[in-house]
Amino acid sequence: MSLLTSHTCCHQGCHCHRVLIVDDEPGILFAYRKLLEQQGLIVDSCDCLCEALNYLEKHQYLAVVADMRLQGTDTVDGLDLVREVRRRQPETGVIVASGISDRNTRQTASDLGVDHYLEKPVHPAFVLDLLIQLRNAVNGEKMFPALEAG
């Protein structure tokens, strides 16, 4: 079933079906785009913090799905992105994935308001389930609890 079949808001600037994917691995971006677009979502994707910030200026999002560390950096770019999402679009859902299990990073992410912190590897279908739940919550539909991947 396509996510669009139960679309109810249809107002100017609707963000119920737009998702931003931020990851430095082209294969991950491709997999998410293919899966999510098949379900009727509009997908913007990029591989760096700068481009993600540009997208946040242009569009409202149902959710941002981001890798915590992007290629070529020693920092946790994902936390910087989370800060900006919360500042610019506080109602947007945030899902982050990390290849490194670090309590401090997880706690900081939680403090910043991350909705789901997932440890890699993460199957794109699991993220799709989380996005469907988020979309349903935005549309006032019943949500079913998701188990965190680990």
N, C-alpha and C. Protein backbone atom coordinates (compact mmCIF):
# COMPACT_ATOMS: atom_id res chain seq x y z
N MET A 1 0.84 -1.18 0.00
CA MET A 1 0.00 0.00 0.00
C MET A 1 0.89 1.24 0.00
N SER A 2 0.56 2.18 -0.83
CA SER A 2 1.31 3.43 -0.88
C SER A 2 0.93 4.31 0.30
N LEU A 3 1.90 5.04 0.82
CA LEU A 3 1.63 5.98 1.90
C LEU A 3 0.66 7.06 1.47
N LEU A 4 0.61 7.35 0.18
CA LEU A 4 -0.24 8.44 -0.29
C LEU A 4 -1.72 8.10 -0.22
N THR A 5 -2.09 6.84 -0.11
CA THR A 5 -3.50 6.49 -0.11
C THR A 5 -4.23 7.05 1.09
N SER A 6 -3.55 7.31 2.18
CA SER A 6 -4.23 7.85 3.35
C SER A 6 -3.80 9.29 3.66
N HIS A 7 -3.25 9.96 2.68
CA HIS A 7 -2.81 11.34 2.84
C HIS A 7 -4.02 12.22 3.12
N THR A 8 -3.97 12.99 4.22
CA THR A 8 -5.14 13.76 4.60
C THR A 8 -4.91 15.27 4.69
N CYS A 9 -3.70 15.75 4.71
CA CYS A 9 -3.54 17.18 5.00
C CYS A 9 -3.66 18.07 3.77
N CYS A 10 -2.97 17.76 2.70
CA CYS A 10 -3.09 18.46 1.42
C CYS A 10 -3.12 19.99 1.52
N HIS A 11 -2.35 20.58 2.42
CA HIS A 11 -2.29 22.03 2.48
C HIS A 11 -0.98 22.51 1.87
N GLN A 12 -0.95 23.79 1.56
CA GLN A 12 0.26 24.38 0.98
C GLN A 12 1.46 24.11 1.88
N GLY A 13 2.56 23.65 1.31
CA GLY A 13 3.77 23.39 2.09
C GLY A 13 3.71 22.10 2.88
N CYS A 14 2.82 21.22 2.51
CA CYS A 14 2.68 19.94 3.22
C CYS A 14 4.03 19.22 3.25
N HIS A 15 4.35 18.65 4.40
CA HIS A 15 5.59 17.91 4.55
C HIS A 15 5.35 16.47 4.98
N CYS A 16 4.10 16.02 4.90
CA CYS A 16 3.76 14.68 5.40
C CYS A 16 4.47 13.56 4.67
N HIS A 17 4.97 13.83 3.48
CA HIS A 17 5.58 12.76 2.69
C HIS A 17 6.96 13.11 2.18
N ARG A 18 7.64 14.06 2.80
CA ARG A 18 8.98 14.43 2.34
C ARG A 18 9.98 14.06 3.42
N VAL A 19 11.02 13.33 2.99
CA VAL A 19 12.05 12.84 3.90
C VAL A 19 13.41 13.25 3.37
N LEU A 20 14.29 13.65 4.28
CA LEU A 20 15.68 13.97 3.92
C LEU A 20 16.58 12.87 4.45
N ILE A 21 17.37 12.27 3.56
CA ILE A 21 18.33 11.23 3.93
C ILE A 21 19.73 11.82 3.80
N VAL A 22 20.53 11.71 4.86
CA VAL A 22 21.89 12.24 4.86
C VAL A 22 22.84 11.12 5.22
N ASP A 23 23.63 10.69 4.24
CA ASP A 23 24.58 9.59 4.46
C ASP A 23 25.69 9.72 3.42
N ASP A 24 26.90 9.36 3.81
CA ASP A 24 28.02 9.49 2.88
C ASP A 24 28.24 8.24 2.03
N GLU A 25 27.40 7.23 2.19
CA GLU A 25 27.52 6.01 1.39
C GLU A 25 26.49 6.02 0.27
N PRO A 26 26.93 6.09 -1.00
CA PRO A 26 25.99 6.14 -2.12
C PRO A 26 25.01 4.96 -2.14
N GLY A 27 25.47 3.78 -1.76
CA GLY A 27 24.59 2.61 -1.74
C GLY A 27 23.45 2.76 -0.75
N ILE A 28 23.73 3.36 0.38
CA ILE A 28 22.69 3.60 1.40
C ILE A 28 21.67 4.61 0.86
N LEU A 29 22.17 5.70 0.28
CA LEU A 29 21.27 6.71 -0.29
C LEU A 29 20.38 6.09 -1.36
N PHE A 30 20.96 5.26 -2.22
CA PHE A 30 20.20 4.62 -3.29
C PHE A 30 19.13 3.69 -2.72
N ALA A 31 19.50 2.87 -1.74
CA ALA A 31 18.54 1.91 -1.15
C ALA A 31 17.37 2.63 -0.50
N TYR A 32 17.67 3.66 0.29
CA TYR A 32 16.59 4.42 0.93
C TYR A 32 15.69 5.08 -0.11
N ARG A 33 16.31 5.74 -1.09
CA ARG A 33 15.52 6.43 -2.11
C ARG A 33 14.59 5.46 -2.82
N LYS A 34 15.12 4.33 -3.25
CA LYS A 34 14.31 3.36 -4.00
C LYS A 34 13.14 2.86 -3.15
N LEU A 35 13.41 2.45 -1.93
CA LEU A 35 12.38 1.91 -1.06
C LEU A 35 11.33 2.96 -0.71
N LEU A 36 11.77 4.13 -0.31
CA LEU A 36 10.84 5.16 0.15
C LEU A 36 10.01 5.74 -0.98
N GLU A 37 10.62 5.93 -2.15
CA GLU A 37 9.86 6.45 -3.29
C GLU A 37 8.81 5.44 -3.75
N GLN A 38 9.11 4.14 -3.64
CA GLN A 38 8.13 3.11 -3.99
C GLN A 38 6.90 3.20 -3.08
N GLN A 39 7.07 3.76 -1.91
CA GLN A 39 5.98 3.90 -0.96
C GLN A 39 5.32 5.28 -1.03
N GLY A 40 5.68 6.06 -2.03
CA GLY A 40 5.03 7.34 -2.24
C GLY A 40 5.64 8.51 -1.51
N LEU A 41 6.79 8.32 -0.89
CA LEU A 41 7.46 9.42 -0.21
C LEU A 41 8.30 10.23 -1.19
N ILE A 42 8.43 11.50 -0.93
CA ILE A 42 9.34 12.36 -1.68
C ILE A 42 10.66 12.31 -0.92
N VAL A 43 11.74 11.98 -1.60
CA VAL A 43 13.03 11.79 -0.94
C VAL A 43 14.04 12.78 -1.48
N ASP A 44 14.62 13.55 -0.56
CA ASP A 44 15.78 14.36 -0.87
C ASP A 44 16.95 13.66 -0.20
N SER A 45 18.10 13.63 -0.85
CA SER A 45 19.25 12.97 -0.24
C SER A 45 20.51 13.74 -0.53
N CYS A 46 21.46 13.61 0.39
CA CYS A 46 22.75 14.27 0.23
C CYS A 46 23.78 13.55 1.09
N ASP A 47 25.04 13.91 0.87
CA ASP A 47 26.12 13.20 1.57
C ASP A 47 26.94 14.10 2.49
N CYS A 48 26.45 15.32 2.75
CA CYS A 48 27.23 16.20 3.63
C CYS A 48 26.32 17.15 4.41
N LEU A 49 26.85 17.65 5.49
CA LEU A 49 26.11 18.55 6.37
C LEU A 49 25.70 19.83 5.66
N CYS A 50 26.58 20.43 4.88
CA CYS A 50 26.28 21.69 4.19
C CYS A 50 25.06 21.55 3.29
N GLU A 51 25.04 20.50 2.51
CA GLU A 51 23.92 20.29 1.59
C GLU A 51 22.62 20.01 2.37
N ALA A 52 22.75 19.27 3.47
CA ALA A 52 21.57 18.99 4.30
C ALA A 52 20.98 20.30 4.83
N LEU A 53 21.84 21.20 5.26
CA LEU A 53 21.36 22.48 5.77
C LEU A 53 20.67 23.29 4.69
N ASN A 54 21.17 23.20 3.45
CA ASN A 54 20.51 23.87 2.33
C ASN A 54 19.11 23.30 2.10
N TYR A 55 18.98 21.98 2.16
CA TYR A 55 17.66 21.35 2.00
C TYR A 55 16.70 21.81 3.10
N LEU A 56 17.20 21.92 4.32
CA LEU A 56 16.35 22.35 5.43
C LEU A 56 15.83 23.78 5.23
N GLU A 57 16.59 24.59 4.52
CA GLU A 57 16.15 25.95 4.22
C GLU A 57 15.03 25.95 3.18
N LYS A 58 15.05 24.98 2.27
CA LYS A 58 14.12 24.97 1.14
C LYS A 58 12.83 24.21 1.39
N HIS A 59 12.86 23.19 2.25
CA HIS A 59 11.71 22.29 2.39
C HIS A 59 11.41 21.99 3.85
N GLN A 60 10.15 21.67 4.11
CA GLN A 60 9.73 21.13 5.40
C GLN A 60 9.72 19.61 5.27
N TYR A 61 10.07 18.91 6.35
CA TYR A 61 10.20 17.46 6.29
C TYR A 61 9.36 16.75 7.35
N LEU A 62 8.86 15.60 6.95
CA LEU A 62 8.27 14.66 7.89
C LEU A 62 9.37 14.16 8.82
N ALA A 63 10.53 13.83 8.21
CA ALA A 63 11.64 13.29 8.99
C ALA A 63 12.96 13.51 8.27
N VAL A 64 14.02 13.50 9.09
CA VAL A 64 15.39 13.49 8.60
C VAL A 64 16.01 12.20 9.12
N VAL A 65 16.61 11.44 8.20
CA VAL A 65 17.31 10.19 8.54
C VAL A 65 18.78 10.45 8.25
N ALA A 66 19.63 10.36 9.28
CA ALA A 66 21.02 10.79 9.10
C ALA A 66 22.01 9.81 9.72
N ASP A 67 23.15 9.71 9.06
CA ASP A 67 24.31 9.00 9.59
C ASP A 67 24.97 9.95 10.59
N MET A 68 25.50 9.40 11.68
CA MET A 68 26.15 10.25 12.68
C MET A 68 27.48 10.80 12.21
N ARG A 69 28.22 10.00 11.48
CA ARG A 69 29.54 10.44 11.01
C ARG A 69 29.59 10.37 9.49
N LEU A 70 29.97 11.48 8.90
CA LEU A 70 30.06 11.52 7.45
C LEU A 70 31.52 11.42 7.03
N GLN A 71 31.74 10.87 5.86
CA GLN A 71 33.08 10.58 5.36
C GLN A 71 33.98 11.81 5.40
N GLY A 72 35.21 11.56 5.80
CA GLY A 72 36.20 12.62 5.79
C GLY A 72 36.16 13.52 7.01
N THR A 73 35.35 13.15 8.01
CA THR A 73 35.29 13.98 9.21
C THR A 73 35.62 13.12 10.43
N ASP A 74 36.17 13.76 11.43
CA ASP A 74 36.42 13.10 12.70
C ASP A 74 35.35 13.47 13.71
N THR A 75 34.44 14.33 13.29
CA THR A 75 33.41 14.82 14.20
C THR A 75 32.12 14.04 14.00
N VAL A 76 31.19 14.32 14.87
CA VAL A 76 29.88 13.69 14.78
C VAL A 76 28.95 14.71 14.11
N ASP A 77 29.02 14.76 12.78
CA ASP A 77 28.22 15.71 12.00
C ASP A 77 26.74 15.52 12.25
N GLY A 78 26.33 14.30 12.54
CA GLY A 78 24.93 14.02 12.79
C GLY A 78 24.36 14.84 13.94
N LEU A 79 25.15 15.07 14.97
CA LEU A 79 24.68 15.88 16.10
C LEU A 79 24.50 17.33 15.68
N ASP A 80 25.39 17.84 14.85
CA ASP A 80 25.23 19.21 14.34
C ASP A 80 23.96 19.31 13.51
N LEU A 81 23.69 18.29 12.72
CA LEU A 81 22.48 18.28 11.91
C LEU A 81 21.24 18.22 12.80
N VAL A 82 21.27 17.38 13.83
CA VAL A 82 20.14 17.29 14.75
C VAL A 82 19.86 18.65 15.39
N ARG A 83 20.90 19.33 15.83
CA ARG A 83 20.72 20.66 16.43
C ARG A 83 20.00 21.60 15.46
N GLU A 84 20.41 21.57 14.20
CA GLU A 84 19.82 22.45 13.20
C GLU A 84 18.38 22.05 12.86
N VAL A 85 18.12 20.76 12.78
CA VAL A 85 16.74 20.31 12.53
C VAL A 85 15.84 20.79 13.65
N ARG A 86 16.27 20.59 14.88
CA ARG A 86 15.46 21.00 16.04
C ARG A 86 15.26 22.52 16.09
N ARG A 87 16.26 23.28 15.68
CA ARG A 87 16.16 24.74 15.67
C ARG A 87 15.23 25.22 14.56
N ARG A 88 15.39 24.65 13.36
CA ARG A 88 14.66 25.12 12.18
C ARG A 88 13.28 24.48 12.00
N GLN A 89 13.18 23.19 12.35
CA GLN A 89 11.95 22.44 12.12
C GLN A 89 11.68 21.53 13.32
N PRO A 90 11.29 22.11 14.43
CA PRO A 90 11.18 21.33 15.68
C PRO A 90 10.19 20.17 15.62
N GLU A 91 9.23 20.20 14.72
CA GLU A 91 8.24 19.11 14.63
C GLU A 91 8.71 17.96 13.75
N THR A 92 9.82 18.13 13.05
CA THR A 92 10.33 17.10 12.15
C THR A 92 10.90 15.93 12.95
N GLY A 93 10.57 14.71 12.53
CA GLY A 93 11.12 13.52 13.17
C GLY A 93 12.59 13.38 12.83
N VAL A 94 13.37 12.85 13.76
CA VAL A 94 14.80 12.66 13.52
C VAL A 94 15.18 11.23 13.86
N ILE A 95 15.77 10.55 12.87
CA ILE A 95 16.27 9.19 13.03
C ILE A 95 17.75 9.23 12.68
N VAL A 96 18.59 8.79 13.61
CA VAL A 96 20.03 8.75 13.32
C VAL A 96 20.53 7.32 13.42
N ALA A 97 21.55 7.03 12.62
CA ALA A 97 22.19 5.73 12.64
C ALA A 97 23.67 5.93 12.92
N SER A 98 24.21 5.06 13.75
CA SER A 98 25.62 5.18 14.10
C SER A 98 26.31 3.82 14.01
N GLY A 99 27.50 3.84 13.48
CA GLY A 99 28.31 2.63 13.40
C GLY A 99 29.15 2.43 14.65
N ILE A 100 29.14 3.42 15.53
CA ILE A 100 29.93 3.36 16.75
C ILE A 100 29.00 3.51 17.94
N SER A 101 29.04 2.54 18.82
CA SER A 101 28.20 2.60 20.02
C SER A 101 28.94 3.39 21.10
N ASP A 102 28.48 4.60 21.35
CA ASP A 102 29.13 5.50 22.28
C ASP A 102 28.04 6.09 23.18
N ARG A 103 28.13 5.82 24.47
CA ARG A 103 27.09 6.29 25.41
C ARG A 103 26.94 7.80 25.42
N ASN A 104 28.07 8.51 25.38
CA ASN A 104 28.00 9.97 25.40
C ASN A 104 27.28 10.53 24.18
N THR A 105 27.59 9.97 23.00
CA THR A 105 26.94 10.42 21.78
C THR A 105 25.46 10.08 21.82
N ARG A 106 25.13 8.88 22.26
CA ARG A 106 23.73 8.47 22.37
C ARG A 106 22.97 9.39 23.32
N GLN A 107 23.59 9.72 24.46
CA GLN A 107 22.94 10.59 25.44
C GLN A 107 22.76 12.00 24.88
N THR A 108 23.78 12.51 24.21
CA THR A 108 23.67 13.84 23.60
C THR A 108 22.56 13.86 22.55
N ALA A 109 22.51 12.81 21.74
CA ALA A 109 21.47 12.71 20.73
C ALA A 109 20.09 12.72 21.39
N SER A 110 19.95 11.97 22.45
CA SER A 110 18.68 11.92 23.18
C SER A 110 18.33 13.30 23.75
N ASP A 111 19.32 13.96 24.34
CA ASP A 111 19.10 15.29 24.91
C ASP A 111 18.68 16.31 23.84
N LEU A 112 19.15 16.11 22.62
CA LEU A 112 18.82 17.01 21.52
C LEU A 112 17.45 16.71 20.91
N GLY A 113 16.86 15.59 21.31
CA GLY A 113 15.52 15.26 20.83
C GLY A 113 15.45 14.30 19.67
N VAL A 114 16.47 13.46 19.50
CA VAL A 114 16.42 12.44 18.46
C VAL A 114 15.28 11.47 18.79
N ASP A 115 14.47 11.17 17.79
CA ASP A 115 13.34 10.26 17.99
C ASP A 115 13.77 8.80 18.03
N HIS A 116 14.72 8.44 17.18
CA HIS A 116 15.22 7.06 17.14
C HIS A 116 16.72 7.08 16.88
N TYR A 117 17.49 6.43 17.74
CA TYR A 117 18.94 6.29 17.59
C TYR A 117 19.20 4.82 17.30
N LEU A 118 19.67 4.52 16.11
CA LEU A 118 19.85 3.14 15.68
C LEU A 118 21.31 2.82 15.49
N GLU A 119 21.69 1.61 15.86
CA GLU A 119 23.06 1.16 15.64
C GLU A 119 23.11 0.39 14.33
N LYS A 120 24.13 0.70 13.52
CA LYS A 120 24.32 0.03 12.24
C LYS A 120 24.76 -1.41 12.47
N PRO A 121 24.41 -2.29 11.57
CA PRO A 121 23.68 -2.04 10.33
C PRO A 121 22.18 -1.89 10.59
N VAL A 122 21.56 -1.02 9.80
CA VAL A 122 20.13 -0.78 9.89
C VAL A 122 19.51 -1.14 8.54
N HIS A 123 18.49 -1.95 8.56
CA HIS A 123 17.81 -2.33 7.32
C HIS A 123 16.86 -1.20 6.92
N PRO A 124 16.91 -0.75 5.67
CA PRO A 124 16.03 0.34 5.23
C PRO A 124 14.54 0.07 5.49
N ALA A 125 14.11 -1.18 5.44
CA ALA A 125 12.70 -1.50 5.69
C ALA A 125 12.31 -1.15 7.13
N PHE A 126 13.26 -1.28 8.07
CA PHE A 126 12.98 -0.91 9.45
C PHE A 126 12.76 0.60 9.55
N VAL A 127 13.59 1.36 8.86
CA VAL A 127 13.43 2.82 8.85
C VAL A 127 12.10 3.19 8.19
N LEU A 128 11.72 2.48 7.13
CA LEU A 128 10.43 2.72 6.50
C LEU A 128 9.30 2.53 7.52
N ASP A 129 9.37 1.48 8.31
CA ASP A 129 8.35 1.25 9.34
C ASP A 129 8.27 2.43 10.32
N LEU A 130 9.43 2.93 10.73
CA LEU A 130 9.44 4.09 11.63
C LEU A 130 8.81 5.31 10.97
N LEU A 131 9.12 5.50 9.69
CA LEU A 131 8.56 6.64 8.96
C LEU A 131 7.05 6.52 8.80
N ILE A 132 6.56 5.32 8.57
CA ILE A 132 5.12 5.11 8.46
C ILE A 132 4.45 5.45 9.79
N GLN A 133 5.06 5.02 10.88
CA GLN A 133 4.50 5.34 12.20
C GLN A 133 4.49 6.84 12.44
N LEU A 134 5.57 7.50 12.05
CA LEU A 134 5.65 8.95 12.22
C LEU A 134 4.60 9.65 11.37
N ARG A 135 4.48 9.23 10.13
CA ARG A 135 3.47 9.81 9.23
C ARG A 135 2.07 9.60 9.80
N ASN A 136 1.80 8.41 10.33
CA ASN A 136 0.50 8.12 10.93
C ASN A 136 0.24 9.03 12.13
N ALA A 137 1.26 9.26 12.94
CA ALA A 137 1.11 10.14 14.10
C ALA A 137 0.80 11.57 13.65
N VAL A 138 1.47 12.03 12.60
CA VAL A 138 1.23 13.37 12.06
C VAL A 138 -0.21 13.48 11.57
N ASN A 139 -0.71 12.39 10.97
CA ASN A 139 -2.07 12.39 10.44
C ASN A 139 -3.11 11.99 11.47
N GLY A 140 -2.68 11.77 12.72
CA GLY A 140 -3.61 11.44 13.78
C GLY A 140 -4.10 10.00 13.76
N GLU A 141 -3.36 9.13 13.09
CA GLU A 141 -3.75 7.72 13.02
C GLU A 141 -3.07 6.94 14.14
N LYS A 142 -3.56 5.75 14.40
CA LYS A 142 -3.01 4.91 15.46
C LYS A 142 -1.58 4.50 15.13
N MET A 143 -0.71 4.63 16.13
CA MET A 143 0.68 4.22 15.98
C MET A 143 0.91 2.91 16.70
N PHE A 144 1.74 2.07 16.11
CA PHE A 144 2.15 0.84 16.75
C PHE A 144 3.60 1.00 17.17
N PRO A 145 3.98 0.59 18.38
CA PRO A 145 5.35 0.78 18.84
C PRO A 145 6.34 -0.01 17.98
N ALA A 146 7.47 0.62 17.69
CA ALA A 146 8.53 -0.05 16.92
C ALA A 146 9.64 -0.44 17.89
N LEU A 147 10.27 -1.53 17.59
CA LEU A 147 11.43 -1.95 18.36
C LEU A 147 12.66 -1.31 17.75
N GLU A 148 13.54 -0.80 18.60
CA GLU A 148 14.78 -0.20 18.11
C GLU A 148 15.70 -1.28 17.59
N ALA A 149 16.33 -1.04 16.45
CA ALA A 149 17.30 -1.99 15.91
C ALA A 149 18.57 -1.87 16.72
N GLY A 150 19.25 -2.94 16.85
CA GLY A 150 20.48 -2.85 17.62
C GLY A 150 21.53 -3.73 17.16
